[in-house]
Amino acid sequence: MSKALLDPLVGTWKLNGATTKITGTGSADKSATGKIESQENGFKLIYDGLDSVGKATHFEYSAKYDGKDYPIKGNPAFDTVSLQKIDNNTQDRLYKKGGKEVISEHAAISKDGRTGTVTQKGKDAKGQGFTVVTVWEKQ
């Protein structure tokens, strides 16, 4: 059995925008799809969405679960990501811009592998905190 079949993260995920919860000054895309491909000790993400005002968003990266910063292409809000795998269904991601932490993210996939919950925490340009919780469904 291939590694990709064992990794519940691998596949195409669609945002369930109706379940998004925002606390503070955060914002979230209205709709989005994330395609995740398995790579050695990590993954490649290709993300496409529509932001809160309907503008198309796109970014992508390839990263390993080693805590090192990897470049992100296409997102003006952050330019690197680092990954830490907690277990097969749980991981933490840290997004930075110019070396400074912008968003910390905790992702948890349900035991059946069909739903993922992502909790993002950060501060806006004025230092105001926010939390955004999104639910993703595997396609």
N, C-alpha and C. Protein backbone atom coordinates (compact mmCIF):
# COMPACT_ATOMS: atom_id res chain seq x y z
N MET A 1 0.85 -1.17 0.00
CA MET A 1 0.00 0.00 0.00
C MET A 1 0.90 1.24 0.00
N SER A 2 0.59 2.21 -0.85
CA SER A 2 1.43 3.40 -0.94
C SER A 2 1.23 4.32 0.25
N LYS A 3 2.26 5.14 0.51
CA LYS A 3 2.21 6.11 1.61
C LYS A 3 1.04 7.07 1.45
N ALA A 4 0.77 7.49 0.19
CA ALA A 4 -0.32 8.45 -0.07
C ALA A 4 -1.67 7.91 0.40
N LEU A 5 -1.87 6.60 0.24
CA LEU A 5 -3.14 6.02 0.66
C LEU A 5 -3.27 5.99 2.19
N LEU A 6 -2.15 6.00 2.90
CA LEU A 6 -2.18 5.97 4.35
C LEU A 6 -2.30 7.36 4.98
N ASP A 7 -1.99 8.41 4.21
CA ASP A 7 -2.00 9.77 4.73
C ASP A 7 -3.39 10.38 4.51
N PRO A 8 -4.16 10.62 5.58
CA PRO A 8 -5.51 11.15 5.42
C PRO A 8 -5.54 12.58 4.88
N LEU A 9 -4.43 13.28 4.90
CA LEU A 9 -4.35 14.65 4.40
C LEU A 9 -4.38 14.72 2.88
N VAL A 10 -3.85 13.70 2.23
CA VAL A 10 -3.72 13.69 0.78
C VAL A 10 -5.09 13.64 0.11
N GLY A 11 -5.29 14.51 -0.89
CA GLY A 11 -6.54 14.54 -1.63
C GLY A 11 -6.98 15.96 -1.88
N THR A 12 -8.21 16.11 -2.32
CA THR A 12 -8.79 17.42 -2.59
C THR A 12 -9.80 17.74 -1.50
N TRP A 13 -9.66 18.95 -0.93
CA TRP A 13 -10.50 19.39 0.18
C TRP A 13 -11.26 20.65 -0.23
N LYS A 14 -12.54 20.70 0.14
CA LYS A 14 -13.37 21.86 -0.17
C LYS A 14 -13.83 22.52 1.13
N LEU A 15 -13.69 23.84 1.18
CA LEU A 15 -14.12 24.61 2.34
C LEU A 15 -15.63 24.60 2.47
N ASN A 16 -16.14 24.32 3.67
CA ASN A 16 -17.56 24.46 3.97
C ASN A 16 -17.72 25.84 4.61
N GLY A 17 -17.89 26.87 3.76
CA GLY A 17 -17.92 28.26 4.21
C GLY A 17 -19.02 28.57 5.21
N ALA A 18 -20.11 27.81 5.19
CA ALA A 18 -21.23 28.07 6.10
C ALA A 18 -20.85 27.80 7.56
N THR A 19 -19.79 27.02 7.78
CA THR A 19 -19.41 26.66 9.15
C THR A 19 -18.27 27.52 9.70
N THR A 20 -17.75 28.46 8.90
CA THR A 20 -16.62 29.29 9.32
C THR A 20 -17.00 30.16 10.51
N LYS A 21 -16.12 30.18 11.51
CA LYS A 21 -16.33 31.01 12.70
C LYS A 21 -15.14 31.95 12.84
N ILE A 22 -15.43 33.25 12.96
CA ILE A 22 -14.38 34.27 13.06
C ILE A 22 -14.55 35.03 14.37
N THR A 23 -13.45 35.15 15.11
CA THR A 23 -13.42 35.94 16.34
C THR A 23 -12.37 37.02 16.17
N GLY A 24 -12.70 38.25 16.51
CA GLY A 24 -11.75 39.34 16.37
C GLY A 24 -11.74 39.88 14.95
N THR A 25 -10.57 40.34 14.50
CA THR A 25 -10.45 41.05 13.23
C THR A 25 -10.13 40.15 12.04
N GLY A 26 -10.21 38.86 12.18
CA GLY A 26 -9.85 37.94 11.11
C GLY A 26 -10.85 37.94 9.97
N SER A 27 -10.46 37.34 8.86
CA SER A 27 -11.35 37.15 7.73
C SER A 27 -11.05 35.77 7.14
N ALA A 28 -11.95 35.31 6.31
CA ALA A 28 -11.78 33.99 5.70
C ALA A 28 -12.33 34.02 4.29
N ASP A 29 -11.81 33.14 3.45
CA ASP A 29 -12.34 33.01 2.10
C ASP A 29 -13.77 32.52 2.15
N LYS A 30 -14.58 32.97 1.15
CA LYS A 30 -15.97 32.52 1.05
C LYS A 30 -16.03 31.08 0.55
N SER A 31 -15.13 30.77 -0.36
CA SER A 31 -15.05 29.41 -0.89
C SER A 31 -13.59 29.12 -1.21
N ALA A 32 -13.24 27.85 -1.17
CA ALA A 32 -11.85 27.47 -1.44
C ALA A 32 -11.75 25.97 -1.67
N THR A 33 -10.71 25.61 -2.42
CA THR A 33 -10.35 24.22 -2.63
C THR A 33 -8.86 24.09 -2.41
N GLY A 34 -8.47 23.08 -1.65
CA GLY A 34 -7.06 22.79 -1.44
C GLY A 34 -6.75 21.40 -1.95
N LYS A 35 -5.76 21.32 -2.83
CA LYS A 35 -5.34 20.01 -3.34
C LYS A 35 -4.01 19.69 -2.68
N ILE A 36 -3.95 18.55 -2.01
CA ILE A 36 -2.76 18.15 -1.26
C ILE A 36 -2.19 16.87 -1.85
N GLU A 37 -0.90 16.96 -2.21
CA GLU A 37 -0.19 15.82 -2.78
C GLU A 37 0.89 15.38 -1.80
N SER A 38 1.07 14.09 -1.67
CA SER A 38 2.08 13.55 -0.77
C SER A 38 3.49 13.78 -1.33
N GLN A 39 4.39 14.15 -0.45
CA GLN A 39 5.81 14.25 -0.76
C GLN A 39 6.57 13.66 0.41
N GLU A 40 7.82 13.30 0.21
CA GLU A 40 8.60 12.68 1.26
C GLU A 40 8.61 13.54 2.51
N ASN A 41 8.11 12.99 3.63
CA ASN A 41 8.06 13.66 4.94
C ASN A 41 7.38 15.02 4.86
N GLY A 42 6.35 15.15 4.03
CA GLY A 42 5.64 16.43 3.91
C GLY A 42 4.58 16.36 2.85
N PHE A 43 4.23 17.53 2.29
CA PHE A 43 3.21 17.57 1.25
C PHE A 43 3.34 18.83 0.41
N LYS A 44 2.64 18.81 -0.73
CA LYS A 44 2.52 19.98 -1.59
C LYS A 44 1.06 20.41 -1.53
N LEU A 45 0.84 21.72 -1.34
CA LEU A 45 -0.51 22.29 -1.29
C LEU A 45 -0.69 23.25 -2.45
N ILE A 46 -1.81 23.09 -3.17
CA ILE A 46 -2.23 24.05 -4.18
C ILE A 46 -3.61 24.54 -3.73
N TYR A 47 -3.71 25.85 -3.45
CA TYR A 47 -4.91 26.44 -2.86
C TYR A 47 -5.51 27.45 -3.81
N ASP A 48 -6.81 27.33 -4.06
CA ASP A 48 -7.56 28.30 -4.87
C ASP A 48 -8.85 28.65 -4.14
N GLY A 49 -9.13 29.95 -4.07
CA GLY A 49 -10.34 30.37 -3.38
C GLY A 49 -10.87 31.69 -3.85
N LEU A 50 -11.95 32.13 -3.19
CA LEU A 50 -12.53 33.46 -3.36
C LEU A 50 -12.56 34.10 -1.99
N ASP A 51 -11.93 35.28 -1.86
CA ASP A 51 -11.88 35.93 -0.55
C ASP A 51 -13.23 36.54 -0.18
N SER A 52 -13.27 37.24 0.94
CA SER A 52 -14.53 37.77 1.49
C SER A 52 -15.21 38.78 0.58
N VAL A 53 -14.48 39.37 -0.39
CA VAL A 53 -15.09 40.32 -1.33
C VAL A 53 -15.19 39.73 -2.74
N GLY A 54 -14.93 38.45 -2.89
CA GLY A 54 -15.08 37.76 -4.17
C GLY A 54 -13.87 37.79 -5.08
N LYS A 55 -12.73 38.22 -4.58
CA LYS A 55 -11.49 38.24 -5.37
C LYS A 55 -10.82 36.87 -5.32
N ALA A 56 -10.36 36.40 -6.49
CA ALA A 56 -9.70 35.09 -6.56
C ALA A 56 -8.39 35.10 -5.78
N THR A 57 -8.15 34.00 -5.05
CA THR A 57 -6.90 33.82 -4.33
C THR A 57 -6.25 32.51 -4.80
N HIS A 58 -4.93 32.51 -4.81
CA HIS A 58 -4.19 31.31 -5.19
C HIS A 58 -2.83 31.36 -4.52
N PHE A 59 -2.44 30.24 -3.93
CA PHE A 59 -1.06 30.10 -3.47
C PHE A 59 -0.70 28.63 -3.43
N GLU A 60 0.59 28.37 -3.35
CA GLU A 60 1.05 26.98 -3.29
C GLU A 60 2.40 26.91 -2.61
N TYR A 61 2.65 25.73 -2.05
CA TYR A 61 3.95 25.46 -1.44
C TYR A 61 4.18 23.96 -1.32
N SER A 62 5.46 23.62 -1.19
CA SER A 62 5.89 22.26 -0.86
C SER A 62 6.72 22.38 0.41
N ALA A 63 6.41 21.57 1.41
CA ALA A 63 7.13 21.68 2.69
C ALA A 63 7.24 20.31 3.34
N LYS A 64 8.21 20.21 4.24
CA LYS A 64 8.43 18.97 5.00
C LYS A 64 8.10 19.21 6.47
N TYR A 65 7.83 18.13 7.18
CA TYR A 65 7.54 18.17 8.62
C TYR A 65 8.84 18.24 9.42
N ASP A 66 9.62 19.27 9.20
CA ASP A 66 10.89 19.38 9.91
C ASP A 66 11.06 20.73 10.63
N GLY A 67 10.00 21.55 10.65
CA GLY A 67 10.07 22.82 11.36
C GLY A 67 10.83 23.91 10.64
N LYS A 68 11.37 23.62 9.45
CA LYS A 68 12.11 24.63 8.67
C LYS A 68 11.13 25.46 7.85
N ASP A 69 11.54 26.68 7.51
CA ASP A 69 10.71 27.56 6.69
C ASP A 69 10.86 27.19 5.21
N TYR A 70 9.71 27.07 4.53
CA TYR A 70 9.68 26.79 3.10
C TYR A 70 8.92 27.91 2.40
N PRO A 71 9.34 28.28 1.18
CA PRO A 71 8.70 29.41 0.48
C PRO A 71 7.27 29.10 0.04
N ILE A 72 6.45 30.15 0.06
CA ILE A 72 5.08 30.10 -0.45
C ILE A 72 5.02 31.00 -1.67
N LYS A 73 4.42 30.50 -2.74
CA LYS A 73 4.26 31.30 -3.95
C LYS A 73 2.82 31.78 -4.03
N GLY A 74 2.64 33.10 -4.24
CA GLY A 74 1.32 33.63 -4.58
C GLY A 74 0.49 34.24 -3.46
N ASN A 75 0.96 34.24 -2.22
CA ASN A 75 0.15 34.82 -1.15
C ASN A 75 0.85 36.05 -0.59
N PRO A 76 0.26 37.24 -0.76
CA PRO A 76 0.91 38.45 -0.27
C PRO A 76 0.93 38.57 1.27
N ALA A 77 0.12 37.79 1.96
CA ALA A 77 0.04 37.89 3.42
C ALA A 77 1.18 37.17 4.13
N PHE A 78 1.73 36.13 3.50
CA PHE A 78 2.85 35.40 4.10
C PHE A 78 3.73 34.82 3.00
N ASP A 79 5.03 34.63 3.32
CA ASP A 79 5.95 34.16 2.30
C ASP A 79 6.66 32.85 2.65
N THR A 80 6.49 32.36 3.89
CA THR A 80 7.03 31.04 4.24
C THR A 80 6.06 30.29 5.15
N VAL A 81 6.25 28.97 5.19
CA VAL A 81 5.48 28.10 6.08
C VAL A 81 6.43 27.07 6.67
N SER A 82 6.19 26.70 7.93
CA SER A 82 6.91 25.58 8.53
C SER A 82 5.85 24.61 9.07
N LEU A 83 6.18 23.32 9.02
CA LEU A 83 5.23 22.27 9.40
C LEU A 83 5.76 21.43 10.55
N GLN A 84 4.82 21.01 11.40
CA GLN A 84 5.14 20.04 12.45
C GLN A 84 4.00 19.04 12.49
N LYS A 85 4.33 17.75 12.32
CA LYS A 85 3.32 16.69 12.37
C LYS A 85 3.20 16.22 13.81
N ILE A 86 1.98 16.28 14.34
CA ILE A 86 1.71 15.82 15.71
C ILE A 86 1.45 14.31 15.68
N ASP A 87 0.55 13.90 14.81
CA ASP A 87 0.27 12.49 14.54
C ASP A 87 -0.29 12.41 13.13
N ASN A 88 -0.75 11.26 12.70
CA ASN A 88 -1.20 11.08 11.32
C ASN A 88 -2.39 11.98 10.96
N ASN A 89 -3.17 12.41 11.94
CA ASN A 89 -4.36 13.22 11.67
C ASN A 89 -4.25 14.65 12.19
N THR A 90 -3.10 15.04 12.73
CA THR A 90 -2.97 16.36 13.35
C THR A 90 -1.63 16.99 13.00
N GLN A 91 -1.66 18.27 12.68
CA GLN A 91 -0.42 18.98 12.38
C GLN A 91 -0.55 20.46 12.73
N ASP A 92 0.60 21.10 12.92
CA ASP A 92 0.67 22.53 13.15
C ASP A 92 1.46 23.16 12.01
N ARG A 93 1.02 24.35 11.60
CA ARG A 93 1.68 25.10 10.54
C ARG A 93 1.92 26.51 11.06
N LEU A 94 3.05 27.09 10.70
CA LEU A 94 3.37 28.45 11.09
C LEU A 94 3.69 29.24 9.83
N TYR A 95 2.88 30.28 9.59
CA TYR A 95 3.06 31.13 8.41
C TYR A 95 3.77 32.41 8.83
N LYS A 96 4.76 32.83 8.02
CA LYS A 96 5.54 34.04 8.33
C LYS A 96 5.59 34.96 7.12
N LYS A 97 5.82 36.23 7.40
CA LYS A 97 6.05 37.25 6.37
C LYS A 97 7.30 38.01 6.78
N GLY A 98 8.33 37.99 5.94
CA GLY A 98 9.58 38.67 6.27
C GLY A 98 10.21 38.15 7.55
N GLY A 99 10.05 36.86 7.84
CA GLY A 99 10.63 36.25 9.03
C GLY A 99 9.81 36.41 10.29
N LYS A 100 8.70 37.17 10.22
CA LYS A 100 7.86 37.41 11.39
C LYS A 100 6.59 36.56 11.32
N GLU A 101 6.27 35.91 12.45
CA GLU A 101 5.06 35.07 12.51
C GLU A 101 3.82 35.90 12.21
N VAL A 102 2.99 35.39 11.29
CA VAL A 102 1.74 36.05 10.91
C VAL A 102 0.54 35.25 11.43
N ILE A 103 0.57 33.94 11.16
CA ILE A 103 -0.55 33.06 11.54
C ILE A 103 0.01 31.72 12.03
N SER A 104 -0.53 31.25 13.16
CA SER A 104 -0.28 29.88 13.57
C SER A 104 -1.56 29.11 13.26
N GLU A 105 -1.39 27.89 12.79
CA GLU A 105 -2.53 27.11 12.33
C GLU A 105 -2.44 25.70 12.89
N HIS A 106 -3.57 25.21 13.37
CA HIS A 106 -3.66 23.83 13.87
C HIS A 106 -4.71 23.12 13.01
N ALA A 107 -4.31 22.02 12.38
CA ALA A 107 -5.21 21.27 11.51
C ALA A 107 -5.43 19.88 12.08
N ALA A 108 -6.70 19.49 12.16
CA ALA A 108 -7.05 18.16 12.68
C ALA A 108 -8.04 17.50 11.72
N ILE A 109 -7.73 16.27 11.33
CA ILE A 109 -8.58 15.51 10.44
C ILE A 109 -9.33 14.47 11.26
N SER A 110 -10.64 14.34 10.97
CA SER A 110 -11.46 13.37 11.70
C SER A 110 -10.92 11.96 11.52
N LYS A 111 -11.28 11.07 12.45
CA LYS A 111 -10.79 9.68 12.39
C LYS A 111 -11.21 8.97 11.11
N ASP A 112 -12.38 9.35 10.56
CA ASP A 112 -12.81 8.71 9.31
C ASP A 112 -12.16 9.35 8.08
N GLY A 113 -11.39 10.44 8.27
CA GLY A 113 -10.66 11.07 7.18
C GLY A 113 -11.48 11.90 6.23
N ARG A 114 -12.73 12.18 6.58
CA ARG A 114 -13.62 12.89 5.65
C ARG A 114 -13.77 14.38 5.94
N THR A 115 -13.39 14.81 7.16
CA THR A 115 -13.56 16.21 7.55
C THR A 115 -12.28 16.71 8.21
N GLY A 116 -11.95 17.95 7.93
CA GLY A 116 -10.80 18.57 8.58
C GLY A 116 -11.20 19.90 9.20
N THR A 117 -10.70 20.18 10.39
CA THR A 117 -10.96 21.45 11.06
C THR A 117 -9.63 22.18 11.19
N VAL A 118 -9.60 23.43 10.72
CA VAL A 118 -8.39 24.23 10.76
C VAL A 118 -8.65 25.46 11.62
N THR A 119 -7.83 25.64 12.64
CA THR A 119 -7.93 26.80 13.53
C THR A 119 -6.71 27.68 13.31
N GLN A 120 -6.96 28.91 12.87
CA GLN A 120 -5.89 29.88 12.64
C GLN A 120 -5.95 30.95 13.72
N LYS A 121 -4.77 31.33 14.22
CA LYS A 121 -4.67 32.41 15.20
C LYS A 121 -3.58 33.37 14.75
N GLY A 122 -3.82 34.66 14.95
CA GLY A 122 -2.83 35.65 14.55
C GLY A 122 -3.20 37.03 15.05
N LYS A 123 -2.46 38.02 14.56
CA LYS A 123 -2.72 39.42 14.88
C LYS A 123 -2.71 40.22 13.59
N ASP A 124 -3.61 41.20 13.52
CA ASP A 124 -3.64 42.05 12.33
C ASP A 124 -2.54 43.12 12.42
N ALA A 125 -2.50 44.01 11.44
CA ALA A 125 -1.46 45.03 11.37
C ALA A 125 -1.48 45.96 12.58
N LYS A 126 -2.63 46.08 13.24
CA LYS A 126 -2.75 46.94 14.42
C LYS A 126 -2.49 46.19 15.72
N GLY A 127 -2.14 44.91 15.62
CA GLY A 127 -1.85 44.12 16.81
C GLY A 127 -3.08 43.50 17.46
N GLN A 128 -4.23 43.60 16.80
CA GLN A 128 -5.47 43.02 17.33
C GLN A 128 -5.50 41.53 17.00
N GLY A 129 -5.82 40.71 17.99
CA GLY A 129 -5.85 39.26 17.80
C GLY A 129 -7.09 38.78 17.08
N PHE A 130 -6.95 37.63 16.41
CA PHE A 130 -8.09 37.01 15.76
C PHE A 130 -7.93 35.49 15.78
N THR A 131 -9.08 34.82 15.65
CA THR A 131 -9.13 33.38 15.49
C THR A 131 -10.13 33.08 14.38
N VAL A 132 -9.74 32.21 13.46
CA VAL A 132 -10.63 31.78 12.38
C VAL A 132 -10.65 30.26 12.39
N VAL A 133 -11.85 29.68 12.48
CA VAL A 133 -12.01 28.23 12.45
C VAL A 133 -12.79 27.87 11.18
N THR A 134 -12.18 27.01 10.37
CA THR A 134 -12.83 26.57 9.13
C THR A 134 -12.95 25.05 9.13
N VAL A 135 -13.97 24.58 8.42
CA VAL A 135 -14.20 23.13 8.28
C VAL A 135 -14.07 22.79 6.80
N TRP A 136 -13.33 21.73 6.53
CA TRP A 136 -13.06 21.28 5.18
C TRP A 136 -13.60 19.88 4.98
N GLU A 137 -14.13 19.60 3.78
CA GLU A 137 -14.68 18.29 3.45
C GLU A 137 -13.87 17.66 2.33
N LYS A 138 -13.47 16.41 2.54
CA LYS A 138 -12.70 15.71 1.52
C LYS A 138 -13.61 15.35 0.36
N GLN A 139 -13.13 15.59 -0.82
CA GLN A 139 -13.92 15.34 -2.05
C GLN A 139 -13.65 13.96 -2.61
